[in-house]
Structures are given as structure tokens and as C-alpha cells.
């Protein structure tokens, strides 16, 4: 039953975050909207799953690894302030949702 609650929280959260990204993509214009693909949505889901698992097993140091990996994959030769801001906001939103899943899940199962 505990797993049902956790999965329910994650599904509801993923639907909500998907709707938020749809709204944001419409506000950004066509150039930025084209960057939101099925693959980017999957990567976000995978990232949030990683955060939830590491929090669940109290391996918070793994979040440092996640941050380092994300920085390493995003290093570019040129500075694009708008892209960097969007990247930062997107990642912070993703991590906050994962933490929210974790906290809500713990509250629902009484831990």
C-alpha cells in the first residue's frame, strides 16, 4: 500500500510539472519551445526518480554527484544567459518536485 501512495504522488506530480512546462514553453517562444522534447521530459523524470531514490535511502551525498554530472554535461564554449537561466529554473523546479514527492510520501506512510 505504501508503494501505491508513493507512485500516486509521483504520477500526480509529473502531470502537474508537465503542465507547468507546457505553459512555460508557450511563454518562451518557438526557439525555446523546440528544446522541450520527449527526451528532455524523460531525462527530467529520470532525474527526479534519482533524487527520490537517493533521499529515500538517505544518500544525500549522491546529490553532489548529480550536480557535478549536470554541470559537466552543460559546459559550453559560449555564454547564453537566457539558456542558462532556463536551465537553472528547470533543474531547481525538478529537484523541488522530487523533494516534494519524498516529503509527501513520508508523511503519507507515517515515517
C-alpha atoms as a PDB file:
ATOM      1  CA  UNK A   1       0.000   0.000   0.000  1.00  0.00           C
ATOM      2  CA  UNK A   2       2.894   2.371   0.761  1.00  0.00           C
ATOM      3  CA  UNK A   3       4.244   1.960  -2.781  1.00  0.00           C
ATOM      4  CA  UNK A   4       0.796   2.807  -4.174  1.00  0.00           C
ATOM      5  CA  UNK A   5       0.826   6.136  -2.329  1.00  0.00           C
ATOM      6  CA  UNK A   6       4.331   6.960  -3.497  1.00  0.00           C
ATOM      7  CA  UNK A   7       3.513   6.099  -7.111  1.00  0.00           C
ATOM      8  CA  UNK A   8       0.299   8.120  -6.927  1.00  0.00           C
ATOM      9  CA  UNK A   9       2.209  11.145  -5.630  1.00  0.00           C
ATOM     10  CA  UNK A  10       4.776  10.834  -8.400  1.00  0.00           C
ATOM     11  CA  UNK A  11       2.176  10.431 -11.172  1.00  0.00           C
ATOM     12  CA  UNK A  12       0.189  13.455  -9.971  1.00  0.00           C
ATOM     13  CA  UNK A  13       3.391  15.475  -9.609  1.00  0.00           C
ATOM     14  CA  UNK A  14       4.616  14.500 -13.082  1.00  0.00           C
ATOM     15  CA  UNK A  15       1.301  15.528 -14.637  1.00  0.00           C
ATOM     16  CA  UNK A  16       1.472  18.841 -12.792  1.00  0.00           C
ATOM     17  CA  UNK A  17       5.084  19.526 -13.776  1.00  0.00           C
ATOM     18  CA  UNK A  18       4.318  18.609 -17.400  1.00  0.00           C
ATOM     19  CA  UNK A  19       1.508  21.175 -17.426  1.00  0.00           C
ATOM     20  CA  UNK A  20       3.864  23.781 -15.929  1.00  0.00           C
ATOM     21  CA  UNK A  21       6.427  23.130 -18.659  1.00  0.00           C
ATOM     22  CA  UNK A  22       3.740  23.429 -21.348  1.00  0.00           C
ATOM     23  CA  UNK A  23       2.811  26.865 -20.003  1.00  0.00           C
ATOM     24  CA  UNK A  24       6.468  27.903 -19.744  1.00  0.00           C
ATOM     25  CA  UNK A  25       7.230  26.708 -23.273  1.00  0.00           C
ATOM     26  CA  UNK A  26       4.390  28.827 -24.661  1.00  0.00           C
ATOM     27  CA  UNK A  27       5.789  31.869 -22.864  1.00  0.00           C
ATOM     28  CA  UNK A  28       9.327  31.310 -24.205  1.00  0.00           C
ATOM     29  CA  UNK A  29       8.694  31.450 -27.937  1.00  0.00           C
ATOM     30  CA  UNK A  30       9.287  28.981 -30.725  1.00  0.00           C
ATOM     31  CA  UNK A  31      13.102  28.756 -30.425  1.00  0.00           C
ATOM     32  CA  UNK A  32      12.998  27.641 -26.778  1.00  0.00           C
ATOM     33  CA  UNK A  33       9.785  25.634 -27.207  1.00  0.00           C
ATOM     34  CA  UNK A  34      11.518  23.346 -29.696  1.00  0.00           C
ATOM     35  CA  UNK A  35      14.049  22.383 -26.997  1.00  0.00           C
ATOM     36  CA  UNK A  36      11.329  20.697 -24.891  1.00  0.00           C
ATOM     37  CA  UNK A  37      11.193  17.224 -26.405  1.00  0.00           C
ATOM     38  CA  UNK A  38      10.092  13.790 -25.312  1.00  0.00           C
ATOM     39  CA  UNK A  39      13.717  13.005 -24.497  1.00  0.00           C
ATOM     40  CA  UNK A  40      14.100  16.083 -22.295  1.00  0.00           C
ATOM     41  CA  UNK A  41      10.899  15.156 -20.450  1.00  0.00           C
ATOM     42  CA  UNK A  42      12.214  11.614 -19.934  1.00  0.00           C
ATOM     43  CA  UNK A  43      15.554  12.940 -18.638  1.00  0.00           C
ATOM     44  CA  UNK A  44      13.691  15.127 -16.147  1.00  0.00           C
ATOM     45  CA  UNK A  45      11.638  12.170 -14.950  1.00  0.00           C
ATOM     46  CA  UNK A  46      14.803  10.105 -14.573  1.00  0.00           C
ATOM     47  CA  UNK A  47      16.492  12.904 -12.639  1.00  0.00           C
ATOM     48  CA  UNK A  48      13.574  13.241 -10.219  1.00  0.00           C
ATOM     49  CA  UNK A  49      13.489   9.465  -9.750  1.00  0.00           C
ATOM     50  CA  UNK A  50      17.211   9.559  -8.905  1.00  0.00           C
ATOM     51  CA  UNK A  51      16.633  12.306  -6.338  1.00  0.00           C
ATOM     52  CA  UNK A  52      13.703  10.448  -4.730  1.00  0.00           C
ATOM     53  CA  UNK A  53      15.682   7.205  -4.503  1.00  0.00           C
ATOM     54  CA  UNK A  54      18.744   8.898  -3.004  1.00  0.00           C
ATOM     55  CA  UNK A  55      16.589  10.716  -0.455  1.00  0.00           C
ATOM     56  CA  UNK A  56      14.711   7.526   0.377  1.00  0.00           C
ATOM     57  CA  UNK A  57      17.968   5.705   1.128  1.00  0.00           C
ATOM     58  CA  UNK A  58      19.394   8.787   2.877  1.00  0.00           C
ATOM     59  CA  UNK A  59      22.245   9.024   0.375  1.00  0.00           C
ATOM     60  CA  UNK A  60      22.167  12.806   0.099  1.00  0.00           C
ATOM     61  CA  UNK A  61      25.818  12.914  -0.953  1.00  0.00           C
ATOM     62  CA  UNK A  62      24.661  11.370  -4.245  1.00  0.00           C
ATOM     63  CA  UNK A  63      23.002  14.714  -4.974  1.00  0.00           C
ATOM     64  CA  UNK A  64      26.506  16.175  -5.263  1.00  0.00           C
ATOM     65  CA  UNK A  65      27.220  13.590  -7.942  1.00  0.00           C
ATOM     66  CA  UNK A  66      24.046  14.573  -9.771  1.00  0.00           C
ATOM     67  CA  UNK A  67      25.032  18.235  -9.664  1.00  0.00           C
ATOM     68  CA  UNK A  68      28.543  17.503 -10.930  1.00  0.00           C
ATOM     69  CA  UNK A  69      27.221  15.368 -13.766  1.00  0.00           C
ATOM     70  CA  UNK A  70      24.754  18.029 -14.810  1.00  0.00           C
ATOM     71  CA  UNK A  71      27.408  20.743 -14.795  1.00  0.00           C
ATOM     72  CA  UNK A  72      29.793  18.579 -16.798  1.00  0.00           C
ATOM     73  CA  UNK A  73      27.174  17.911 -19.459  1.00  0.00           C
ATOM     74  CA  UNK A  74      26.231  21.586 -19.750  1.00  0.00           C
ATOM     75  CA  UNK A  75      29.627  23.256 -20.121  1.00  0.00           C
ATOM     76  CA  UNK A  76      29.618  25.287 -23.321  1.00  0.00           C
ATOM     77  CA  UNK A  77      32.133  27.496 -25.043  1.00  0.00           C
ATOM     78  CA  UNK A  78      29.720  30.416 -25.258  1.00  0.00           C
ATOM     79  CA  UNK A  79      27.580  32.023 -22.595  1.00  0.00           C
ATOM     80  CA  UNK A  80      23.846  32.096 -23.292  1.00  0.00           C
ATOM     81  CA  UNK A  81      22.241  33.867 -20.345  1.00  0.00           C
ATOM     82  CA  UNK A  82      18.659  33.033 -21.318  1.00  0.00           C
ATOM     83  CA  UNK A  83      19.501  29.372 -21.830  1.00  0.00           C
ATOM     84  CA  UNK A  84      21.419  29.223 -18.552  1.00  0.00           C
ATOM     85  CA  UNK A  85      18.552  30.860 -16.640  1.00  0.00           C
ATOM     86  CA  UNK A  86      16.036  28.463 -18.164  1.00  0.00           C
ATOM     87  CA  UNK A  87      18.346  25.552 -17.360  1.00  0.00           C
ATOM     88  CA  UNK A  88      18.718  26.666 -13.734  1.00  0.00           C
ATOM     89  CA  UNK A  89      14.983  27.251 -13.223  1.00  0.00           C
ATOM     90  CA  UNK A  90      14.131  23.915 -14.833  1.00  0.00           C
ATOM     91  CA  UNK A  91      16.594  21.974 -12.688  1.00  0.00           C
ATOM     92  CA  UNK A  92      15.594  23.678  -9.450  1.00  0.00           C
ATOM     93  CA  UNK A  93      11.934  23.008 -10.236  1.00  0.00           C
ATOM     94  CA  UNK A  94      12.728  19.367 -10.950  1.00  0.00           C
ATOM     95  CA  UNK A  95      14.653  18.885  -7.706  1.00  0.00           C
ATOM     96  CA  UNK A  96      11.939  20.656  -5.706  1.00  0.00           C
ATOM     97  CA  UNK A  97       9.274  18.346  -7.137  1.00  0.00           C
ATOM     98  CA  UNK A  98      11.374  15.287  -6.267  1.00  0.00           C
ATOM     99  CA  UNK A  99      11.869  16.547  -2.721  1.00  0.00           C
ATOM    100  CA  UNK A 100       8.127  17.203  -2.535  1.00  0.00           C
ATOM    101  CA  UNK A 101       7.380  13.632  -3.612  1.00  0.00           C
ATOM    102  CA  UNK A 102       9.717  12.383  -0.920  1.00  0.00           C
ATOM    103  CA  UNK A 103       8.286  14.542   1.856  1.00  0.00           C
ATOM    104  CA  UNK A 104       4.640  13.848   0.940  1.00  0.00           C
ATOM    105  CA  UNK A 105       5.355  10.136   0.603  1.00  0.00           C
ATOM    106  CA  UNK A 106       6.995  10.000   4.028  1.00  0.00           C
ATOM    107  CA  UNK A 107       4.053  11.882   5.588  1.00  0.00           C
ATOM    108  CA  UNK A 108       1.506   9.546   3.974  1.00  0.00           C
ATOM    109  CA  UNK A 109       3.203   6.377   5.183  1.00  0.00           C
ATOM    110  CA  UNK A 110       3.805   7.857   8.646  1.00  0.00           C
ATOM    111  CA  UNK A 111       7.606   7.960   8.725  1.00  0.00           C
END
